[in-house]
Amino acid sequence: MATIDQITALLGEVLQLGGRAKTLGPSTALLGSLPEFDSMAVATVIAGIEERFDIYIEDDELSAEIFSSVGTLTEFVDAKLAE
């Protein structure tokens, strides 16, 4: 399964988007655009990414830009996987 598919599935689960999760794409804005994507959701998404992809994310690696869209979040995860 492609990284973006796993990210959109995770976002759908964490944000409880139901069928709306299928509308998420690389250009879908996250932080500040989806009302469900609040600070608690960010923390849960980070934990979910770490678990699902078996990676560890340092606090200093995180920025608001990473969470600006589904695409930027996917790029971040792909970069972590390539390390």
PDB file of N, CA and C in Angstrom:
ATOM      1  N   MET A   1       0.851  -1.182   0.000  1.00  0.00           N
ATOM      2  CA  MET A   1       0.000   0.000   0.000  1.00  0.00           C
ATOM      3  C   MET A   1       0.892   1.238   0.000  1.00  0.00           C
ATOM      4  N   ALA A   2       0.562   2.189  -0.846  1.00  0.00           N
ATOM      5  CA  ALA A   2       1.338   3.425  -0.956  1.00  0.00           C
ATOM      6  C   ALA A   2       1.247   4.235   0.339  1.00  0.00           C
ATOM      7  N   THR A   3       2.290   5.005   0.594  1.00  0.00           N
ATOM      8  CA  THR A   3       2.341   5.817   1.811  1.00  0.00           C
ATOM      9  C   THR A   3       1.129   6.731   1.916  1.00  0.00           C
ATOM     10  N   ILE A   4       0.775   7.382   0.821  1.00  0.00           N
ATOM     11  CA  ILE A   4      -0.352   8.321   0.878  1.00  0.00           C
ATOM     12  C   ILE A   4      -1.648   7.600   1.240  1.00  0.00           C
ATOM     13  N   ASP A   5      -1.813   6.379   0.766  1.00  0.00           N
ATOM     14  CA  ASP A   5      -3.018   5.616   1.094  1.00  0.00           C
ATOM     15  C   ASP A   5      -3.054   5.284   2.590  1.00  0.00           C
ATOM     16  N   GLN A   6      -1.892   4.956   3.138  1.00  0.00           N
ATOM     17  CA  GLN A   6      -1.826   4.669   4.563  1.00  0.00           C
ATOM     18  C   GLN A   6      -2.068   5.925   5.396  1.00  0.00           C
ATOM     19  N   ILE A   7      -1.547   7.057   4.925  1.00  0.00           N
ATOM     20  CA  ILE A   7      -1.746   8.338   5.629  1.00  0.00           C
ATOM     21  C   ILE A   7      -3.220   8.718   5.599  1.00  0.00           C
ATOM     22  N   THR A   8      -3.857   8.618   4.446  1.00  0.00           N
ATOM     23  CA  THR A   8      -5.271   8.994   4.373  1.00  0.00           C
ATOM     24  C   THR A   8      -6.131   8.059   5.215  1.00  0.00           C
ATOM     25  N   ALA A   9      -5.776   6.778   5.251  1.00  0.00           N
ATOM     26  CA  ALA A   9      -6.517   5.834   6.101  1.00  0.00           C
ATOM     27  C   ALA A   9      -6.354   6.201   7.571  1.00  0.00           C
ATOM     28  N   LEU A  10      -5.129   6.527   7.970  1.00  0.00           N
ATOM     29  CA  LEU A  10      -4.866   6.919   9.350  1.00  0.00           C
ATOM     30  C   LEU A  10      -5.625   8.187   9.710  1.00  0.00           C
ATOM     31  N   LEU A  11      -5.594   9.183   8.826  1.00  0.00           N
ATOM     32  CA  LEU A  11      -6.325  10.426   9.078  1.00  0.00           C
ATOM     33  C   LEU A  11      -7.823  10.157   9.196  1.00  0.00           C
ATOM     34  N   GLY A  12      -8.339   9.303   8.333  1.00  0.00           N
ATOM     35  CA  GLY A  12      -9.756   8.951   8.397  1.00  0.00           C
ATOM     36  C   GLY A  12     -10.130   8.329   9.721  1.00  0.00           C
ATOM     37  N   GLU A  13      -9.249   7.443  10.230  1.00  0.00           N
ATOM     38  CA  GLU A  13      -9.504   6.789  11.515  1.00  0.00           C
ATOM     39  C   GLU A  13      -9.421   7.791  12.673  1.00  0.00           C
ATOM     40  N   VAL A  14      -8.317   8.533  12.723  1.00  0.00           N
ATOM     41  CA  VAL A  14      -8.081   9.453  13.841  1.00  0.00           C
ATOM     42  C   VAL A  14      -9.128  10.562  13.884  1.00  0.00           C
ATOM     43  N   LEU A  15      -9.445  11.109  12.718  1.00  0.00           N
ATOM     44  CA  LEU A  15     -10.388  12.230  12.655  1.00  0.00           C
ATOM     45  C   LEU A  15     -11.836  11.773  12.552  1.00  0.00           C
ATOM     46  N   GLN A  16     -12.037  10.463  12.484  1.00  0.00           N
ATOM     47  CA  GLN A  16     -13.371   9.881  12.366  1.00  0.00           C
ATOM     48  C   GLN A  16     -14.147  10.520  11.214  1.00  0.00           C
ATOM     49  N   LEU A  17     -13.514  10.491  10.040  1.00  0.00           N
ATOM     50  CA  LEU A  17     -14.093  11.137   8.866  1.00  0.00           C
ATOM     51  C   LEU A  17     -15.100  10.265   8.125  1.00  0.00           C
ATOM     52  N   GLY A  18     -15.128   8.987   8.411  1.00  0.00           N
ATOM     53  CA  GLY A  18     -16.045   8.105   7.704  1.00  0.00           C
ATOM     54  C   GLY A  18     -15.769   8.135   6.213  1.00  0.00           C
ATOM     55  N   GLY A  19     -16.799   8.262   5.427  1.00  0.00           N
ATOM     56  CA  GLY A  19     -16.679   8.290   3.977  1.00  0.00           C
ATOM     57  C   GLY A  19     -15.918   9.486   3.437  1.00  0.00           C
ATOM     58  N   ARG A  20     -15.841  10.544   4.223  1.00  0.00           N
ATOM     59  CA  ARG A  20     -15.097  11.735   3.785  1.00  0.00           C
ATOM     60  C   ARG A  20     -13.616  11.446   3.607  1.00  0.00           C
ATOM     61  N   ALA A  21     -13.099  10.402   4.241  1.00  0.00           N
ATOM     62  CA  ALA A  21     -11.678  10.063   4.122  1.00  0.00           C
ATOM     63  C   ALA A  21     -11.303   9.761   2.675  1.00  0.00           C
ATOM     64  N   LYS A  22     -12.254   9.262   1.899  1.00  0.00           N
ATOM     65  CA  LYS A  22     -11.990   8.926   0.495  1.00  0.00           C
ATOM     66  C   LYS A  22     -11.766  10.174  -0.353  1.00  0.00           C
ATOM     67  N   THR A  23     -12.153  11.336   0.152  1.00  0.00           N
ATOM     68  CA  THR A  23     -11.971  12.572  -0.603  1.00  0.00           C
ATOM     69  C   THR A  23     -10.612  13.214  -0.341  1.00  0.00           C
ATOM     70  N   LEU A  24      -9.843  12.656   0.605  1.00  0.00           N
ATOM     71  CA  LEU A  24      -8.537  13.221   0.923  1.00  0.00           C
ATOM     72  C   LEU A  24      -7.553  12.913  -0.191  1.00  0.00           C
ATOM     73  N   GLY A  25      -6.805  13.926  -0.598  1.00  0.00           N
ATOM     74  CA  GLY A  25      -5.777  13.764  -1.618  1.00  0.00           C
ATOM     75  C   GLY A  25      -4.562  14.585  -1.248  1.00  0.00           C
ATOM     76  N   PRO A  26      -3.513  14.546  -2.058  1.00  0.00           N
ATOM     77  CA  PRO A  26      -2.279  15.253  -1.722  1.00  0.00           C
ATOM     78  C   PRO A  26      -2.466  16.740  -1.466  1.00  0.00           C
ATOM     79  N   SER A  27      -3.390  17.376  -2.157  1.00  0.00           N
ATOM     80  CA  SER A  27      -3.571  18.819  -1.983  1.00  0.00           C
ATOM     81  C   SER A  27      -4.585  19.182  -0.892  1.00  0.00           C
ATOM     82  N   THR A  28      -5.159  18.193  -0.230  1.00  0.00           N
ATOM     83  CA  THR A  28      -6.129  18.466   0.829  1.00  0.00           C
ATOM     84  C   THR A  28      -5.435  19.150   1.994  1.00  0.00           C
ATOM     85  N   ALA A  29      -5.888  20.349   2.318  1.00  0.00           N
ATOM     86  CA  ALA A  29      -5.318  21.106   3.436  1.00  0.00           C
ATOM     87  C   ALA A  29      -5.742  20.466   4.754  1.00  0.00           C
ATOM     88  N   LEU A  30      -4.839  20.482   5.724  1.00  0.00           N
ATOM     89  CA  LEU A  30      -5.128  19.874   7.020  1.00  0.00           C
ATOM     90  C   LEU A  30      -5.214  20.932   8.118  1.00  0.00           C
ATOM     91  N   LEU A  31      -4.080  21.330   8.641  1.00  0.00           N
ATOM     92  CA  LEU A  31      -4.023  22.232   9.786  1.00  0.00           C
ATOM     93  C   LEU A  31      -4.698  23.563   9.460  1.00  0.00           C
ATOM     94  N   GLY A  32      -5.720  23.890  10.207  1.00  0.00           N
ATOM     95  CA  GLY A  32      -6.459  25.126   9.996  1.00  0.00           C
ATOM     96  C   GLY A  32      -7.587  25.004   8.993  1.00  0.00           C
ATOM     97  N   SER A  33      -7.684  23.869   8.314  1.00  0.00           N
ATOM     98  CA  SER A  33      -8.725  23.698   7.308  1.00  0.00           C
ATOM     99  C   SER A  33      -9.760  22.650   7.687  1.00  0.00           C
ATOM    100  N   LEU A  34      -9.322  21.584   8.328  1.00  0.00           N
ATOM    101  CA  LEU A  34     -10.255  20.555   8.793  1.00  0.00           C
ATOM    102  C   LEU A  34     -10.545  20.816  10.270  1.00  0.00           C
ATOM    103  N   PRO A  35     -11.788  21.086  10.625  1.00  0.00           N
ATOM    104  CA  PRO A  35     -12.098  21.384  12.028  1.00  0.00           C
ATOM    105  C   PRO A  35     -11.730  20.248  12.974  1.00  0.00           C
ATOM    106  N   GLU A  36     -11.746  19.019  12.467  1.00  0.00           N
ATOM    107  CA  GLU A  36     -11.414  17.869  13.308  1.00  0.00           C
ATOM    108  C   GLU A  36      -9.918  17.779  13.604  1.00  0.00           C
ATOM    109  N   PHE A  37      -9.097  18.469  12.825  1.00  0.00           N
ATOM    110  CA  PHE A  37      -7.641  18.372  12.952  1.00  0.00           C
ATOM    111  C   PHE A  37      -7.135  19.416  13.944  1.00  0.00           C
ATOM    112  N   ASP A  38      -7.315  19.111  15.226  1.00  0.00           N
ATOM    113  CA  ASP A  38      -6.871  20.011  16.290  1.00  0.00           C
ATOM    114  C   ASP A  38      -5.574  19.485  16.900  1.00  0.00           C
ATOM    115  N   SER A  39      -5.115  20.120  17.979  1.00  0.00           N
ATOM    116  CA  SER A  39      -3.828  19.735  18.573  1.00  0.00           C
ATOM    117  C   SER A  39      -3.832  18.297  19.087  1.00  0.00           C
ATOM    118  N   MET A  40      -4.939  17.844  19.621  1.00  0.00           N
ATOM    119  CA  MET A  40      -5.015  16.456  20.083  1.00  0.00           C
ATOM    120  C   MET A  40      -4.947  15.491  18.900  1.00  0.00           C
ATOM    121  N   ALA A  41      -5.578  15.852  17.802  1.00  0.00           N
ATOM    122  CA  ALA A  41      -5.538  15.016  16.607  1.00  0.00           C
ATOM    123  C   ALA A  41      -4.116  14.945  16.056  1.00  0.00           C
ATOM    124  N   VAL A  42      -3.390  16.062  16.094  1.00  0.00           N
ATOM    125  CA  VAL A  42      -2.000  16.074  15.625  1.00  0.00           C
ATOM    126  C   VAL A  42      -1.177  15.072  16.425  1.00  0.00           C
ATOM    127  N   ALA A  43      -1.312  15.113  17.749  1.00  0.00           N
ATOM    128  CA  ALA A  43      -0.565  14.186  18.611  1.00  0.00           C
ATOM    129  C   ALA A  43      -0.935  12.734  18.311  1.00  0.00           C
ATOM    130  N   THR A  44      -2.209  12.476  18.090  1.00  0.00           N
ATOM    131  CA  THR A  44      -2.659  11.118  17.790  1.00  0.00           C
ATOM    132  C   THR A  44      -2.161  10.668  16.418  1.00  0.00           C
ATOM    133  N   VAL A  45      -2.148  11.568  15.442  1.00  0.00           N
ATOM    134  CA  VAL A  45      -1.641  11.238  14.108  1.00  0.00           C
ATOM    135  C   VAL A  45      -0.149  10.922  14.179  1.00  0.00           C
ATOM    136  N   ILE A  46       0.601  11.706  14.934  1.00  0.00           N
ATOM    137  CA  ILE A  46       2.035  11.444  15.082  1.00  0.00           C
ATOM    138  C   ILE A  46       2.262  10.059  15.683  1.00  0.00           C
ATOM    139  N   ALA A  47       1.536   9.752  16.745  1.00  0.00           N
ATOM    140  CA  ALA A  47       1.660   8.430  17.373  1.00  0.00           C
ATOM    141  C   ALA A  47       1.270   7.328  16.394  1.00  0.00           C
ATOM    142  N   GLY A  48       0.226   7.547  15.630  1.00  0.00           N
ATOM    143  CA  GLY A  48      -0.218   6.567  14.652  1.00  0.00           C
ATOM    144  C   GLY A  48       0.801   6.347  13.544  1.00  0.00           C
ATOM    145  N   ILE A  49       1.429   7.421  13.099  1.00  0.00           N
ATOM    146  CA  ILE A  49       2.469   7.319  12.064  1.00  0.00           C
ATOM    147  C   ILE A  49       3.653   6.520  12.603  1.00  0.00           C
ATOM    148  N   GLU A  50       4.060   6.839  13.821  1.00  0.00           N
ATOM    149  CA  GLU A  50       5.193   6.121  14.419  1.00  0.00           C
ATOM    150  C   GLU A  50       4.905   4.625  14.510  1.00  0.00           C
ATOM    151  N   GLU A  51       3.698   4.298  14.909  1.00  0.00           N
ATOM    152  CA  GLU A  51       3.328   2.886  15.060  1.00  0.00           C
ATOM    153  C   GLU A  51       3.170   2.193  13.704  1.00  0.00           C
ATOM    154  N   ARG A  52       2.445   2.832  12.814  1.00  0.00           N
ATOM    155  CA  ARG A  52       2.132   2.211  11.526  1.00  0.00           C
ATOM    156  C   ARG A  52       3.368   2.014  10.652  1.00  0.00           C
ATOM    157  N   PHE A  53       4.280   2.992  10.702  1.00  0.00           N
ATOM    158  CA  PHE A  53       5.454   2.944   9.834  1.00  0.00           C
ATOM    159  C   PHE A  53       6.718   2.506  10.571  1.00  0.00           C
ATOM    160  N   ASP A  54       6.585   2.229  11.854  1.00  0.00           N
ATOM    161  CA  ASP A  54       7.715   1.804  12.680  1.00  0.00           C
ATOM    162  C   ASP A  54       8.885   2.788  12.590  1.00  0.00           C
ATOM    163  N   ILE A  55       8.562   4.068  12.792  1.00  0.00           N
ATOM    164  CA  ILE A  55       9.569   5.119  12.806  1.00  0.00           C
ATOM    165  C   ILE A  55       9.424   5.926  14.086  1.00  0.00           C
ATOM    166  N   TYR A  56      10.462   6.687  14.425  1.00  0.00           N
ATOM    167  CA  TYR A  56      10.399   7.578  15.581  1.00  0.00           C
ATOM    168  C   TYR A  56      10.562   8.998  15.083  1.00  0.00           C
ATOM    169  N   ILE A  57       9.687   9.879  15.538  1.00  0.00           N
ATOM    170  CA  ILE A  57       9.713  11.274  15.121  1.00  0.00           C
ATOM    171  C   ILE A  57      10.138  12.123  16.313  1.00  0.00           C
ATOM    172  N   GLU A  58      11.252  12.823  16.156  1.00  0.00           N
ATOM    173  CA  GLU A  58      11.751  13.731  17.196  1.00  0.00           C
ATOM    174  C   GLU A  58      10.890  14.999  17.198  1.00  0.00           C
ATOM    175  N   ASP A  59      10.724  15.570  18.387  1.00  0.00           N
ATOM    176  CA  ASP A  59       9.936  16.800  18.502  1.00  0.00           C
ATOM    177  C   ASP A  59      10.480  17.921  17.615  1.00  0.00           C
ATOM    178  N   ASP A  60      11.805  18.013  17.512  1.00  0.00           N
ATOM    179  CA  ASP A  60      12.395  19.109  16.738  1.00  0.00           C
ATOM    180  C   ASP A  60      12.276  18.910  15.222  1.00  0.00           C
ATOM    181  N   GLU A  61      11.771  17.759  14.797  1.00  0.00           N
ATOM    182  CA  GLU A  61      11.537  17.512  13.376  1.00  0.00           C
ATOM    183  C   GLU A  61      10.177  18.043  12.930  1.00  0.00           C
ATOM    184  N   LEU A  62       9.322  18.344  13.872  1.00  0.00           N
ATOM    185  CA  LEU A  62       7.942  18.729  13.565  1.00  0.00           C
ATOM    186  C   LEU A  62       7.806  20.233  13.370  1.00  0.00           C
ATOM    187  N   SER A  63       6.963  20.585  12.414  1.00  0.00           N
ATOM    188  CA  SER A  63       6.618  21.983  12.178  1.00  0.00           C
ATOM    189  C   SER A  63       5.215  22.038  11.586  1.00  0.00           C
ATOM    190  N   ALA A  64       4.630  23.196  11.611  1.00  0.00           N
ATOM    191  CA  ALA A  64       3.283  23.358  11.059  1.00  0.00           C
ATOM    192  C   ALA A  64       3.255  23.050   9.569  1.00  0.00           C
ATOM    193  N   GLU A  65       4.364  23.306   8.864  1.00  0.00           N
ATOM    194  CA  GLU A  65       4.411  23.061   7.423  1.00  0.00           C
ATOM    195  C   GLU A  65       4.183  21.589   7.089  1.00  0.00           C
ATOM    196  N   ILE A  66       4.657  20.692   7.949  1.00  0.00           N
ATOM    197  CA  ILE A  66       4.477  19.258   7.716  1.00  0.00           C
ATOM    198  C   ILE A  66       2.996  18.904   7.669  1.00  0.00           C
ATOM    199  N   PHE A  67       2.214  19.608   8.462  1.00  0.00           N
ATOM    200  CA  PHE A  67       0.783  19.316   8.568  1.00  0.00           C
ATOM    201  C   PHE A  67      -0.075  20.256   7.730  1.00  0.00           C
ATOM    202  N   SER A  68       0.523  20.932   6.760  1.00  0.00           N
ATOM    203  CA  SER A  68      -0.266  21.857   5.952  1.00  0.00           C
ATOM    204  C   SER A  68      -1.177  21.130   4.961  1.00  0.00           C
ATOM    205  N   SER A  69      -0.747  19.940   4.498  1.00  0.00           N
ATOM    206  CA  SER A  69      -1.599  19.181   3.574  1.00  0.00           C
ATOM    207  C   SER A  69      -1.291  17.688   3.704  1.00  0.00           C
ATOM    208  N   VAL A  70      -2.137  16.893   3.116  1.00  0.00           N
ATOM    209  CA  VAL A  70      -1.908  15.452   3.098  1.00  0.00           C
ATOM    210  C   VAL A  70      -0.601  15.161   2.364  1.00  0.00           C
ATOM    211  N   GLY A  71      -0.334  15.898   1.302  1.00  0.00           N
ATOM    212  CA  GLY A  71       0.887  15.702   0.523  1.00  0.00           C
ATOM    213  C   GLY A  71       2.148  16.005   1.314  1.00  0.00           C
ATOM    214  N   THR A  72       2.155  17.114   2.066  1.00  0.00           N
ATOM    215  CA  THR A  72       3.351  17.454   2.838  1.00  0.00           C
ATOM    216  C   THR A  72       3.576  16.454   3.965  1.00  0.00           C
ATOM    217  N   LEU A  73       2.515  15.958   4.552  1.00  0.00           N
ATOM    218  CA  LEU A  73       2.638  14.946   5.592  1.00  0.00           C
ATOM    219  C   LEU A  73       3.185  13.644   4.999  1.00  0.00           C
ATOM    220  N   THR A  74       2.707  13.282   3.829  1.00  0.00           N
ATOM    221  CA  THR A  74       3.189  12.083   3.150  1.00  0.00           C
ATOM    222  C   THR A  74       4.667  12.211   2.780  1.00  0.00           C
ATOM    223  N   GLU A  75       5.065  13.376   2.274  1.00  0.00           N
ATOM    224  CA  GLU A  75       6.468  13.617   1.932  1.00  0.00           C
ATOM    225  C   GLU A  75       7.365  13.478   3.157  1.00  0.00           C
ATOM    226  N   PHE A  76       6.893  13.997   4.284  1.00  0.00           N
ATOM    227  CA  PHE A  76       7.662  13.886   5.529  1.00  0.00           C
ATOM    228  C   PHE A  76       7.852  12.417   5.912  1.00  0.00           C
ATOM    229  N   VAL A  77       6.772  11.652   5.863  1.00  0.00           N
ATOM    230  CA  VAL A  77       6.854  10.235   6.220  1.00  0.00           C
ATOM    231  C   VAL A  77       7.760   9.489   5.252  1.00  0.00           C
ATOM    232  N   ASP A  78       7.647   9.769   3.952  1.00  0.00           N
ATOM    233  CA  ASP A  78       8.515   9.117   2.966  1.00  0.00           C
ATOM    234  C   ASP A  78       9.983   9.431   3.249  1.00  0.00           C
ATOM    235  N   ALA A  79      10.267  10.673   3.617  1.00  0.00           N
ATOM    236  CA  ALA A  79      11.650  11.074   3.933  1.00  0.00           C
ATOM    237  C   ALA A  79      12.151  10.323   5.174  1.00  0.00           C
ATOM    238  N   LYS A  80      11.299  10.165   6.174  1.00  0.00           N
ATOM    239  CA  LYS A  80      11.676   9.425   7.381  1.00  0.00           C
ATOM    240  C   LYS A  80      11.929   7.955   7.050  1.00  0.00           C
ATOM    241  N   LEU A  81      11.130   7.392   6.186  1.00  0.00           N
ATOM    242  CA  LEU A  81      11.302   5.997   5.802  1.00  0.00           C
ATOM    243  C   LEU A  81      12.597   5.782   5.023  1.00  0.00           C
ATOM    244  N   ALA A  82      13.038   6.811   4.297  1.00  0.00           N
ATOM    245  CA  ALA A  82      14.249   6.711   3.495  1.00  0.00           C
ATOM    246  C   ALA A  82      15.519   6.840   4.340  1.00  0.00           C
ATOM    247  N   GLU A  83      15.389   7.313   5.558  1.00  0.00           N
ATOM    248  CA  GLU A  83      16.570   7.505   6.422  1.00  0.00           C
ATOM    249  C   GLU A  83      17.213   6.195   6.789  1.00  0.00           C
TER     250      GLU A  83
END
